[in-house]
Amino acid sequence: MEITYVELLPYANARVELFAGTNYTLVSTSPLAHLRIDATVRSQRTITGIDLMGTGVWAPGTPSTFVAADSAALHLSASNVPANHPFSIGYEWTRSATGSSA
């Protein structure tokens, strides 16, 4: 199954984060045999980094990442992942691209 999802996310200090409160414990309390996360970000601003962090008891490990001027991507494959495994995907862009005026 493949799902494409688009959402405009709030940002602060040139960083954007998507929090995924993933919880399959209503379906099964057993660990997931295999989990794959693929994320691609495109921006009109210059992207400087992308990361994946567990926000609960799950530590996702280090994903493979790719960063170019206007896009970034990450990929992670994991086995025996807890059924309740919230995570966040964050990316940063150059602070000079934020712009402000007084």
PDB file of N, CA and C in Angstrom:
ATOM      1  N   MET A   1       0.838  -1.155   0.000  1.00  0.00           N
ATOM      2  CA  MET A   1       0.000   0.000   0.000  1.00  0.00           C
ATOM      3  C   MET A   1       0.894   1.232   0.000  1.00  0.00           C
ATOM      4  N   GLU A   2       0.532   2.252  -0.734  1.00  0.00           N
ATOM      5  CA  GLU A   2       1.254   3.519  -0.744  1.00  0.00           C
ATOM      6  C   GLU A   2       0.255   4.642  -0.533  1.00  0.00           C
ATOM      7  N   ILE A   3       0.599   5.540   0.364  1.00  0.00           N
ATOM      8  CA  ILE A   3      -0.260   6.685   0.657  1.00  0.00           C
ATOM      9  C   ILE A   3       0.534   7.953   0.379  1.00  0.00           C
ATOM     10  N   THR A   4      -0.048   8.865  -0.371  1.00  0.00           N
ATOM     11  CA  THR A   4       0.554  10.173  -0.583  1.00  0.00           C
ATOM     12  C   THR A   4      -0.241  11.166   0.245  1.00  0.00           C
ATOM     13  N   TYR A   5       0.476  11.957   1.031  1.00  0.00           N
ATOM     14  CA  TYR A   5      -0.167  12.854   1.980  1.00  0.00           C
ATOM     15  C   TYR A   5       0.461  14.226   1.849  1.00  0.00           C
ATOM     16  N   VAL A   6      -0.361  15.257   1.747  1.00  0.00           N
ATOM     17  CA  VAL A   6       0.136  16.624   1.649  1.00  0.00           C
ATOM     18  C   VAL A   6      -0.490  17.436   2.782  1.00  0.00           C
ATOM     19  N   GLU A   7       0.356  18.177   3.521  1.00  0.00           N
ATOM     20  CA  GLU A   7      -0.131  19.009   4.618  1.00  0.00           C
ATOM     21  C   GLU A   7       0.771  20.227   4.734  1.00  0.00           C
ATOM     22  N   LEU A   8       0.175  21.395   4.939  1.00  0.00           N
ATOM     23  CA  LEU A   8       0.962  22.597   5.206  1.00  0.00           C
ATOM     24  C   LEU A   8       1.257  22.623   6.698  1.00  0.00           C
ATOM     25  N   LEU A   9       2.541  22.626   7.042  1.00  0.00           N
ATOM     26  CA  LEU A   9       2.958  22.493   8.435  1.00  0.00           C
ATOM     27  C   LEU A   9       3.425  23.822   9.007  1.00  0.00           C
ATOM     28  N   PRO A  10       3.178  24.057  10.290  1.00  0.00           N
ATOM     29  CA  PRO A  10       3.720  25.256  10.932  1.00  0.00           C
ATOM     30  C   PRO A  10       5.230  25.117  11.096  1.00  0.00           C
ATOM     31  N   TYR A  11       5.913  26.256  11.196  1.00  0.00           N
ATOM     32  CA  TYR A  11       7.359  26.216  11.368  1.00  0.00           C
ATOM     33  C   TYR A  11       7.800  27.292  12.342  1.00  0.00           C
ATOM     34  N   ALA A  12       9.004  27.088  12.896  1.00  0.00           N
ATOM     35  CA  ALA A  12       9.616  28.059  13.801  1.00  0.00           C
ATOM     36  C   ALA A  12      11.126  27.925  13.695  1.00  0.00           C
ATOM     37  N   ASN A  13      11.821  29.047  13.720  1.00  0.00           N
ATOM     38  CA  ASN A  13      13.286  29.064  13.688  1.00  0.00           C
ATOM     39  C   ASN A  13      13.853  28.265  12.510  1.00  0.00           C
ATOM     40  N   ALA A  14      13.253  28.424  11.336  1.00  0.00           N
ATOM     41  CA  ALA A  14      13.690  27.781  10.098  1.00  0.00           C
ATOM     42  C   ALA A  14      13.648  26.257  10.176  1.00  0.00           C
ATOM     43  N   ARG A  15      12.748  25.709  11.012  1.00  0.00           N
ATOM     44  CA  ARG A  15      12.582  24.251  11.131  1.00  0.00           C
ATOM     45  C   ARG A  15      11.102  23.903  11.056  1.00  0.00           C
ATOM     46  N   VAL A  16      10.806  22.877  10.291  1.00  0.00           N
ATOM     47  CA  VAL A  16       9.445  22.367  10.137  1.00  0.00           C
ATOM     48  C   VAL A  16       9.426  20.943  10.683  1.00  0.00           C
ATOM     49  N   GLU A  17       8.365  20.577  11.427  1.00  0.00           N
ATOM     50  CA  GLU A  17       8.261  19.215  11.953  1.00  0.00           C
ATOM     51  C   GLU A  17       6.864  18.663  11.725  1.00  0.00           C
ATOM     52  N   LEU A  18       6.827  17.409  11.329  1.00  0.00           N
ATOM     53  CA  LEU A  18       5.596  16.643  11.208  1.00  0.00           C
ATOM     54  C   LEU A  18       5.619  15.586  12.303  1.00  0.00           C
ATOM     55  N   PHE A  19       4.643  15.619  13.197  1.00  0.00           N
ATOM     56  CA  PHE A  19       4.544  14.624  14.253  1.00  0.00           C
ATOM     57  C   PHE A  19       3.530  13.564  13.833  1.00  0.00           C
ATOM     58  N   ALA A  20       3.944  12.316  13.850  1.00  0.00           N
ATOM     59  CA  ALA A  20       3.079  11.198  13.481  1.00  0.00           C
ATOM     60  C   ALA A  20       2.827  10.361  14.724  1.00  0.00           C
ATOM     61  N   GLY A  21       1.639  10.446  15.266  1.00  0.00           N
ATOM     62  CA  GLY A  21       1.280   9.688  16.462  1.00  0.00           C
ATOM     63  C   GLY A  21       0.820   8.293  16.083  1.00  0.00           C
ATOM     64  N   THR A  22       1.726   7.487  15.576  1.00  0.00           N
ATOM     65  CA  THR A  22       1.394   6.169  15.057  1.00  0.00           C
ATOM     66  C   THR A  22       1.159   5.179  16.191  1.00  0.00           C
ATOM     67  N   ASN A  23      -0.046   4.588  16.206  1.00  0.00           N
ATOM     68  CA  ASN A  23      -0.392   3.662  17.271  1.00  0.00           C
ATOM     69  C   ASN A  23      -1.326   2.577  16.709  1.00  0.00           C
ATOM     70  N   TYR A  24      -0.833   1.353  16.617  1.00  0.00           N
ATOM     71  CA  TYR A  24      -1.621   0.235  16.114  1.00  0.00           C
ATOM     72  C   TYR A  24      -2.058  -0.713  17.235  1.00  0.00           C
ATOM     73  N   THR A  25      -1.999  -0.273  18.487  1.00  0.00           N
ATOM     74  CA  THR A  25      -2.313  -1.168  19.602  1.00  0.00           C
ATOM     75  C   THR A  25      -3.786  -1.572  19.635  1.00  0.00           C
ATOM     76  N   LEU A  26      -4.683  -0.836  18.983  1.00  0.00           N
ATOM     77  CA  LEU A  26      -6.084  -1.260  18.928  1.00  0.00           C
ATOM     78  C   LEU A  26      -6.258  -2.461  18.006  1.00  0.00           C
ATOM     79  N   VAL A  27      -5.345  -2.611  17.058  1.00  0.00           N
ATOM     80  CA  VAL A  27      -5.399  -3.728  16.118  1.00  0.00           C
ATOM     81  C   VAL A  27      -4.567  -4.901  16.613  1.00  0.00           C
ATOM     82  N   SER A  28      -3.370  -4.585  17.133  1.00  0.00           N
ATOM     83  CA  SER A  28      -2.463  -5.639  17.587  1.00  0.00           C
ATOM     84  C   SER A  28      -1.476  -5.058  18.593  1.00  0.00           C
ATOM     85  N   THR A  29      -1.171  -5.814  19.616  1.00  0.00           N
ATOM     86  CA  THR A  29      -0.166  -5.368  20.573  1.00  0.00           C
ATOM     87  C   THR A  29       1.208  -5.951  20.242  1.00  0.00           C
ATOM     88  N   SER A  30       1.251  -6.855  19.280  1.00  0.00           N
ATOM     89  CA  SER A  30       2.526  -7.439  18.852  1.00  0.00           C
ATOM     90  C   SER A  30       3.329  -6.411  18.056  1.00  0.00           C
ATOM     91  N   PRO A  31       4.649  -6.492  18.114  1.00  0.00           N
ATOM     92  CA  PRO A  31       5.479  -5.591  17.309  1.00  0.00           C
ATOM     93  C   PRO A  31       5.216  -5.793  15.811  1.00  0.00           C
ATOM     94  N   LEU A  32       5.384  -4.725  15.052  1.00  0.00           N
ATOM     95  CA  LEU A  32       5.252  -4.804  13.598  1.00  0.00           C
ATOM     96  C   LEU A  32       6.475  -5.523  13.041  1.00  0.00           C
ATOM     97  N   ALA A  33       6.255  -6.499  12.213  1.00  0.00           N
ATOM     98  CA  ALA A  33       7.371  -7.269  11.656  1.00  0.00           C
ATOM     99  C   ALA A  33       8.279  -6.389  10.808  1.00  0.00           C
ATOM    100  N   HIS A  34       7.683  -5.478  10.040  1.00  0.00           N
ATOM    101  CA  HIS A  34       8.484  -4.608   9.178  1.00  0.00           C
ATOM    102  C   HIS A  34       7.789  -3.255   9.031  1.00  0.00           C
ATOM    103  N   LEU A  35       8.552  -2.204   9.110  1.00  0.00           N
ATOM    104  CA  LEU A  35       8.051  -0.845   8.920  1.00  0.00           C
ATOM    105  C   LEU A  35       8.969  -0.124   7.957  1.00  0.00           C
ATOM    106  N   ARG A  36       8.389   0.588   7.016  1.00  0.00           N
ATOM    107  CA  ARG A  36       9.169   1.367   6.056  1.00  0.00           C
ATOM    108  C   ARG A  36       8.626   2.790   6.042  1.00  0.00           C
ATOM    109  N   ILE A  37       9.516   3.754   6.191  1.00  0.00           N
ATOM    110  CA  ILE A  37       9.140   5.164   6.135  1.00  0.00           C
ATOM    111  C   ILE A  37       9.934   5.812   5.007  1.00  0.00           C
ATOM    112  N   ASP A  38       9.223   6.411   4.066  1.00  0.00           N
ATOM    113  CA  ASP A  38       9.825   7.184   2.981  1.00  0.00           C
ATOM    114  C   ASP A  38       9.194   8.561   3.015  1.00  0.00           C
ATOM    115  N   ALA A  39      10.001   9.592   3.086  1.00  0.00           N
ATOM    116  CA  ALA A  39       9.489  10.957   3.108  1.00  0.00           C
ATOM    117  C   ALA A  39      10.280  11.798   2.122  1.00  0.00           C
ATOM    118  N   THR A  40       9.567  12.624   1.360  1.00  0.00           N
ATOM    119  CA  THR A  40      10.192  13.552   0.418  1.00  0.00           C
ATOM    120  C   THR A  40       9.638  14.938   0.681  1.00  0.00           C
ATOM    121  N   VAL A  41      10.522  15.923   0.754  1.00  0.00           N
ATOM    122  CA  VAL A  41      10.143  17.313   0.997  1.00  0.00           C
ATOM    123  C   VAL A  41      10.638  18.142  -0.178  1.00  0.00           C
ATOM    124  N   ARG A  42       9.773  19.017  -0.668  1.00  0.00           N
ATOM    125  CA  ARG A  42      10.176  19.970  -1.704  1.00  0.00           C
ATOM    126  C   ARG A  42       9.838  21.359  -1.184  1.00  0.00           C
ATOM    127  N   SER A  43      10.733  22.305  -1.440  1.00  0.00           N
ATOM    128  CA  SER A  43      10.540  23.655  -0.918  1.00  0.00           C
ATOM    129  C   SER A  43      11.100  24.691  -1.878  1.00  0.00           C
ATOM    130  N   GLN A  44      10.550  25.886  -1.823  1.00  0.00           N
ATOM    131  CA  GLN A  44      11.101  27.003  -2.586  1.00  0.00           C
ATOM    132  C   GLN A  44      12.300  27.597  -1.857  1.00  0.00           C
ATOM    133  N   ARG A  45      12.499  27.219  -0.610  1.00  0.00           N
ATOM    134  CA  ARG A  45      13.645  27.663   0.179  1.00  0.00           C
ATOM    135  C   ARG A  45      14.759  26.627   0.088  1.00  0.00           C
ATOM    136  N   THR A  46      15.980  27.010   0.415  1.00  0.00           N
ATOM    137  CA  THR A  46      17.110  26.087   0.386  1.00  0.00           C
ATOM    138  C   THR A  46      17.076  25.206   1.628  1.00  0.00           C
ATOM    139  N   ILE A  47      16.929  23.910   1.433  1.00  0.00           N
ATOM    140  CA  ILE A  47      16.860  22.949   2.531  1.00  0.00           C
ATOM    141  C   ILE A  47      18.274  22.560   2.945  1.00  0.00           C
ATOM    142  N   THR A  48      18.522  22.532   4.257  1.00  0.00           N
ATOM    143  CA  THR A  48      19.858  22.216   4.749  1.00  0.00           C
ATOM    144  C   THR A  48      19.943  20.868   5.471  1.00  0.00           C
ATOM    145  N   GLY A  49      18.809  20.265   5.831  1.00  0.00           N
ATOM    146  CA  GLY A  49      18.864  18.986   6.530  1.00  0.00           C
ATOM    147  C   GLY A  49      17.494  18.386   6.735  1.00  0.00           C
ATOM    148  N   ILE A  50      17.459  17.069   6.966  1.00  0.00           N
ATOM    149  CA  ILE A  50      16.221  16.344   7.261  1.00  0.00           C
ATOM    150  C   ILE A  50      16.562  15.242   8.258  1.00  0.00           C
ATOM    151  N   ASP A  51      15.638  14.963   9.193  1.00  0.00           N
ATOM    152  CA  ASP A  51      15.904  13.929  10.193  1.00  0.00           C
ATOM    153  C   ASP A  51      14.616  13.246  10.626  1.00  0.00           C
ATOM    154  N   LEU A  52      14.777  12.125  11.301  1.00  0.00           N
ATOM    155  CA  LEU A  52      13.680  11.326  11.822  1.00  0.00           C
ATOM    156  C   LEU A  52      13.992  11.002  13.277  1.00  0.00           C
ATOM    157  N   MET A  53      13.032  11.263  14.172  1.00  0.00           N
ATOM    158  CA  MET A  53      13.243  10.991  15.591  1.00  0.00           C
ATOM    159  C   MET A  53      12.024  10.272  16.164  1.00  0.00           C
ATOM    160  N   GLY A  54      12.269   9.321  17.047  1.00  0.00           N
ATOM    161  CA  GLY A  54      11.183   8.692  17.791  1.00  0.00           C
ATOM    162  C   GLY A  54      10.753   9.628  18.911  1.00  0.00           C
ATOM    163  N   THR A  55       9.447   9.719  19.149  1.00  0.00           N
ATOM    164  CA  THR A  55       8.958  10.604  20.210  1.00  0.00           C
ATOM    165  C   THR A  55       8.400   9.816  21.383  1.00  0.00           C
ATOM    166  N   GLY A  56       8.572   8.514  21.376  1.00  0.00           N
ATOM    167  CA  GLY A  56       8.110   7.660  22.469  1.00  0.00           C
ATOM    168  C   GLY A  56       9.225   6.701  22.849  1.00  0.00           C
ATOM    169  N   VAL A  57       8.859   5.447  23.059  1.00  0.00           N
ATOM    170  CA  VAL A  57       9.852   4.442  23.448  1.00  0.00           C
ATOM    171  C   VAL A  57      10.638   3.907  22.260  1.00  0.00           C
ATOM    172  N   TRP A  58      10.187   4.168  21.047  1.00  0.00           N
ATOM    173  CA  TRP A  58      10.846   3.649  19.847  1.00  0.00           C
ATOM    174  C   TRP A  58      11.982   4.563  19.419  1.00  0.00           C
ATOM    175  N   ALA A  59      13.165   4.002  19.244  1.00  0.00           N
ATOM    176  CA  ALA A  59      14.310   4.735  18.698  1.00  0.00           C
ATOM    177  C   ALA A  59      14.511   4.230  17.266  1.00  0.00           C
ATOM    178  N   PRO A  60      14.151   5.032  16.268  1.00  0.00           N
ATOM    179  CA  PRO A  60      14.102   4.540  14.895  1.00  0.00           C
ATOM    180  C   PRO A  60      15.432   4.229  14.236  1.00  0.00           C
ATOM    181  N   GLY A  61      16.547   4.589  14.805  1.00  0.00           N
ATOM    182  CA  GLY A  61      17.821   4.374  14.128  1.00  0.00           C
ATOM    183  C   GLY A  61      18.096   5.498  13.145  1.00  0.00           C
ATOM    184  N   THR A  62      19.133   5.341  12.367  1.00  0.00           N
ATOM    185  CA  THR A  62      19.549   6.392  11.439  1.00  0.00           C
ATOM    186  C   THR A  62      19.018   6.101  10.040  1.00  0.00           C
ATOM    187  N   PRO A  63      18.171   6.983   9.515  1.00  0.00           N
ATOM    188  CA  PRO A  63      17.663   6.770   8.164  1.00  0.00           C
ATOM    189  C   PRO A  63      18.708   7.166   7.118  1.00  0.00           C
ATOM    190  N   SER A  64      18.548   6.665   5.905  1.00  0.00           N
ATOM    191  CA  SER A  64      19.381   7.169   4.816  1.00  0.00           C
ATOM    192  C   SER A  64      18.719   8.459   4.330  1.00  0.00           C
ATOM    193  N   THR A  65      19.522   9.481   4.090  1.00  0.00           N
ATOM    194  CA  THR A  65      18.979  10.785   3.722  1.00  0.00           C
ATOM    195  C   THR A  65      19.645  11.316   2.460  1.00  0.00           C
ATOM    196  N   PHE A  66      18.946  12.224   1.809  1.00  0.00           N
ATOM    197  CA  PHE A  66      19.451  12.931   0.635  1.00  0.00           C
ATOM    198  C   PHE A  66      18.975  14.368   0.760  1.00  0.00           C
ATOM    199  N   VAL A  67      19.891  15.322   0.600  1.00  0.00           N
ATOM    200  CA  VAL A  67      19.531  16.732   0.670  1.00  0.00           C
ATOM    201  C   VAL A  67      20.089  17.443  -0.549  1.00  0.00           C
ATOM    202  N   ALA A  68      19.218  18.155  -1.269  1.00  0.00           N
ATOM    203  CA  ALA A  68      19.607  19.001  -2.389  1.00  0.00           C
ATOM    204  C   ALA A  68      19.101  20.409  -2.079  1.00  0.00           C
ATOM    205  N   ALA A  69      19.363  21.346  -2.944  1.00  0.00           N
ATOM    206  CA  ALA A  69      18.994  22.737  -2.674  1.00  0.00           C
ATOM    207  C   ALA A  69      17.500  22.912  -2.406  1.00  0.00           C
ATOM    208  N   ASP A  70      16.645  22.291  -3.191  1.00  0.00           N
ATOM    209  CA  ASP A  70      15.207  22.517  -3.058  1.00  0.00           C
ATOM    210  C   ASP A  70      14.421  21.293  -2.606  1.00  0.00           C
ATOM    211  N   SER A  71      15.116  20.220  -2.229  1.00  0.00           N
ATOM    212  CA  SER A  71      14.400  19.022  -1.808  1.00  0.00           C
ATOM    213  C   SER A  71      15.252  18.198  -0.838  1.00  0.00           C
ATOM    214  N   ALA A  72      14.564  17.330  -0.118  1.00  0.00           N
ATOM    215  CA  ALA A  72      15.240  16.414   0.800  1.00  0.00           C
ATOM    216  C   ALA A  72      14.393  15.154   0.886  1.00  0.00           C
ATOM    217  N   ALA A  73      15.048  14.039   1.178  1.00  0.00           N
ATOM    218  CA  ALA A  73      14.331  12.776   1.296  1.00  0.00           C
ATOM    219  C   ALA A  73      14.989  11.928   2.368  1.00  0.00           C
ATOM    220  N   LEU A  74      14.191  11.046   2.961  1.00  0.00           N
ATOM    221  CA  LEU A  74      14.745  10.078   3.898  1.00  0.00           C
ATOM    222  C   LEU A  74      14.039   8.756   3.711  1.00  0.00           C
ATOM    223  N   HIS A  75      14.744   7.695   4.062  1.00  0.00           N
ATOM    224  CA  HIS A  75      14.215   6.338   3.964  1.00  0.00           C
ATOM    225  C   HIS A  75      14.683   5.555   5.183  1.00  0.00           C
ATOM    226  N   LEU A  76      13.756   4.833   5.775  1.00  0.00           N
ATOM    227  CA  LEU A  76      14.093   3.980   6.907  1.00  0.00           C
ATOM    228  C   LEU A  76      13.317   2.677   6.785  1.00  0.00           C
ATOM    229  N   SER A  77      14.000   1.572   6.964  1.00  0.00           N
ATOM    230  CA  SER A  77      13.373   0.254   7.092  1.00  0.00           C
ATOM    231  C   SER A  77      13.729  -0.267   8.473  1.00  0.00           C
ATOM    232  N   ALA A  78      12.730  -0.769   9.176  1.00  0.00           N
ATOM    233  CA  ALA A  78      12.965  -1.280  10.529  1.00  0.00           C
ATOM    234  C   ALA A  78      12.152  -2.549  10.735  1.00  0.00           C
ATOM    235  N   SER A  79      12.632  -3.409  11.616  1.00  0.00           N
ATOM    236  CA  SER A  79      11.952  -4.660  11.953  1.00  0.00           C
ATOM    237  C   SER A  79      11.594  -4.672  13.425  1.00  0.00           C
ATOM    238  N   ASN A  80      10.557  -5.436  13.762  1.00  0.00           N
ATOM    239  CA  ASN A  80      10.105  -5.588  15.148  1.00  0.00           C
ATOM    240  C   ASN A  80       9.891  -4.239  15.831  1.00  0.00           C
ATOM    241  N   VAL A  81       9.110  -3.395  15.197  1.00  0.00           N
ATOM    242  CA  VAL A  81       8.820  -2.054  15.705  1.00  0.00           C
ATOM    243  C   VAL A  81       7.612  -2.135  16.645  1.00  0.00           C
ATOM    244  N   PRO A  82       7.670  -1.484  17.818  1.00  0.00           N
ATOM    245  CA  PRO A  82       6.519  -1.520  18.728  1.00  0.00           C
ATOM    246  C   PRO A  82       5.244  -1.030  18.034  1.00  0.00           C
ATOM    247  N   ALA A  83       4.103  -1.600  18.409  1.00  0.00           N
ATOM    248  CA  ALA A  83       2.831  -1.215  17.793  1.00  0.00           C
ATOM    249  C   ALA A  83       2.514   0.263  18.036  1.00  0.00           C
ATOM    250  N   ASN A  84       3.023   0.816  19.115  1.00  0.00           N
ATOM    251  CA  ASN A  84       2.854   2.236  19.414  1.00  0.00           C
ATOM    252  C   ASN A  84       4.216   2.894  19.194  1.00  0.00           C
ATOM    253  N   HIS A  85       4.393   3.532  18.042  1.00  0.00           N
ATOM    254  CA  HIS A  85       5.708   4.066  17.680  1.00  0.00           C
ATOM    255  C   HIS A  85       5.610   5.467  17.083  1.00  0.00           C
ATOM    256  N   PRO A  86       5.228   6.471  17.885  1.00  0.00           N
ATOM    257  CA  PRO A  86       5.164   7.828  17.357  1.00  0.00           C
ATOM    258  C   PRO A  86       6.557   8.317  16.948  1.00  0.00           C
ATOM    259  N   PHE A  87       6.574   9.182  15.939  1.00  0.00           N
ATOM    260  CA  PHE A  87       7.846   9.725  15.459  1.00  0.00           C
ATOM    261  C   PHE A  87       7.612  11.103  14.855  1.00  0.00           C
ATOM    262  N   SER A  88       8.690  11.814  14.625  1.00  0.00           N
ATOM    263  CA  SER A  88       8.604  13.106  13.950  1.00  0.00           C
ATOM    264  C   SER A  88       9.651  13.154  12.841  1.00  0.00           C
ATOM    265  N   ILE A  89       9.272  13.796  11.760  1.00  0.00           N
ATOM    266  CA  ILE A  89      10.180  14.076  10.655  1.00  0.00           C
ATOM    267  C   ILE A  89      10.353  15.584  10.620  1.00  0.00           C
ATOM    268  N   GLY A  90      11.591  16.038  10.661  1.00  0.00           N
ATOM    269  CA  GLY A  90      11.853  17.474  10.652  1.00  0.00           C
ATOM    270  C   GLY A  90      12.840  17.828   9.567  1.00  0.00           C
ATOM    271  N   TYR A  91      12.717  19.042   9.071  1.00  0.00           N
ATOM    272  CA  TYR A  91      13.710  19.534   8.117  1.00  0.00           C
ATOM    273  C   TYR A  91      13.966  21.013   8.372  1.00  0.00           C
ATOM    274  N   GLU A  92      15.159  21.436   7.976  1.00  0.00           N
ATOM    275  CA  GLU A  92      15.577  22.818   8.186  1.00  0.00           C
ATOM    276  C   GLU A  92      15.898  23.455   6.840  1.00  0.00           C
ATOM    277  N   TRP A  93      15.778  24.779   6.816  1.00  0.00           N
ATOM    278  CA  TRP A  93      16.236  25.535   5.660  1.00  0.00           C
ATOM    279  C   TRP A  93      17.116  26.671   6.136  1.00  0.00           C
ATOM    280  N   THR A  94      17.810  27.321   5.220  1.00  0.00           N
ATOM    281  CA  THR A  94      18.721  28.399   5.603  1.00  0.00           C
ATOM    282  C   THR A  94      17.937  29.523   6.263  1.00  0.00           C
ATOM    283  N   ARG A  95      18.478  30.050   7.328  1.00  0.00           N
ATOM    284  CA  ARG A  95      17.813  31.120   8.063  1.00  0.00           C
ATOM    285  C   ARG A  95      17.640  32.373   7.217  1.00  0.00           C
ATOM    286  N   SER A  96      18.548  32.596   6.287  1.00  0.00           N
ATOM    287  CA  SER A  96      18.425  33.782   5.429  1.00  0.00           C
ATOM    288  C   SER A  96      17.205  33.697   4.525  1.00  0.00           C
ATOM    289  N   ALA A  97      16.660  32.483   4.332  1.00  0.00           N
ATOM    290  CA  ALA A  97      15.477  32.315   3.486  1.00  0.00           C
ATOM    291  C   ALA A  97      14.188  32.646   4.228  1.00  0.00           C
ATOM    292  N   THR A  98      14.259  32.826   5.558  1.00  0.00           N
ATOM    293  CA  THR A  98      13.058  33.096   6.339  1.00  0.00           C
ATOM    294  C   THR A  98      12.551  34.502   6.090  1.00  0.00           C
ATOM    295  N   GLY A  99      13.428  35.465   6.176  1.00  0.00           N
ATOM    296  CA  GLY A  99      13.057  36.849   5.885  1.00  0.00           C
ATOM    297  C   GLY A  99      12.148  37.462   6.930  1.00  0.00           C
ATOM    298  N   SER A 100      12.412  38.696   7.276  1.00  0.00           N
ATOM    299  CA  SER A 100      11.540  39.447   8.177  1.00  0.00           C
ATOM    300  C   SER A 100      11.830  40.928   7.999  1.00  0.00           C
ATOM    301  N   SER A 101      10.898  41.716   8.466  1.00  0.00           N
ATOM    302  CA  SER A 101      11.105  43.168   8.392  1.00  0.00           C
ATOM    303  C   SER A 101      10.489  43.813   9.601  1.00  0.00           C
ATOM    304  N   ALA A 102      10.988  44.985   9.943  1.00  0.00           N
ATOM    305  CA  ALA A 102      10.462  45.695  11.118  1.00  0.00           C
ATOM    306  C   ALA A 102       9.790  46.968  10.677  1.00  0.00           C
TER     307      ALA A 102
END
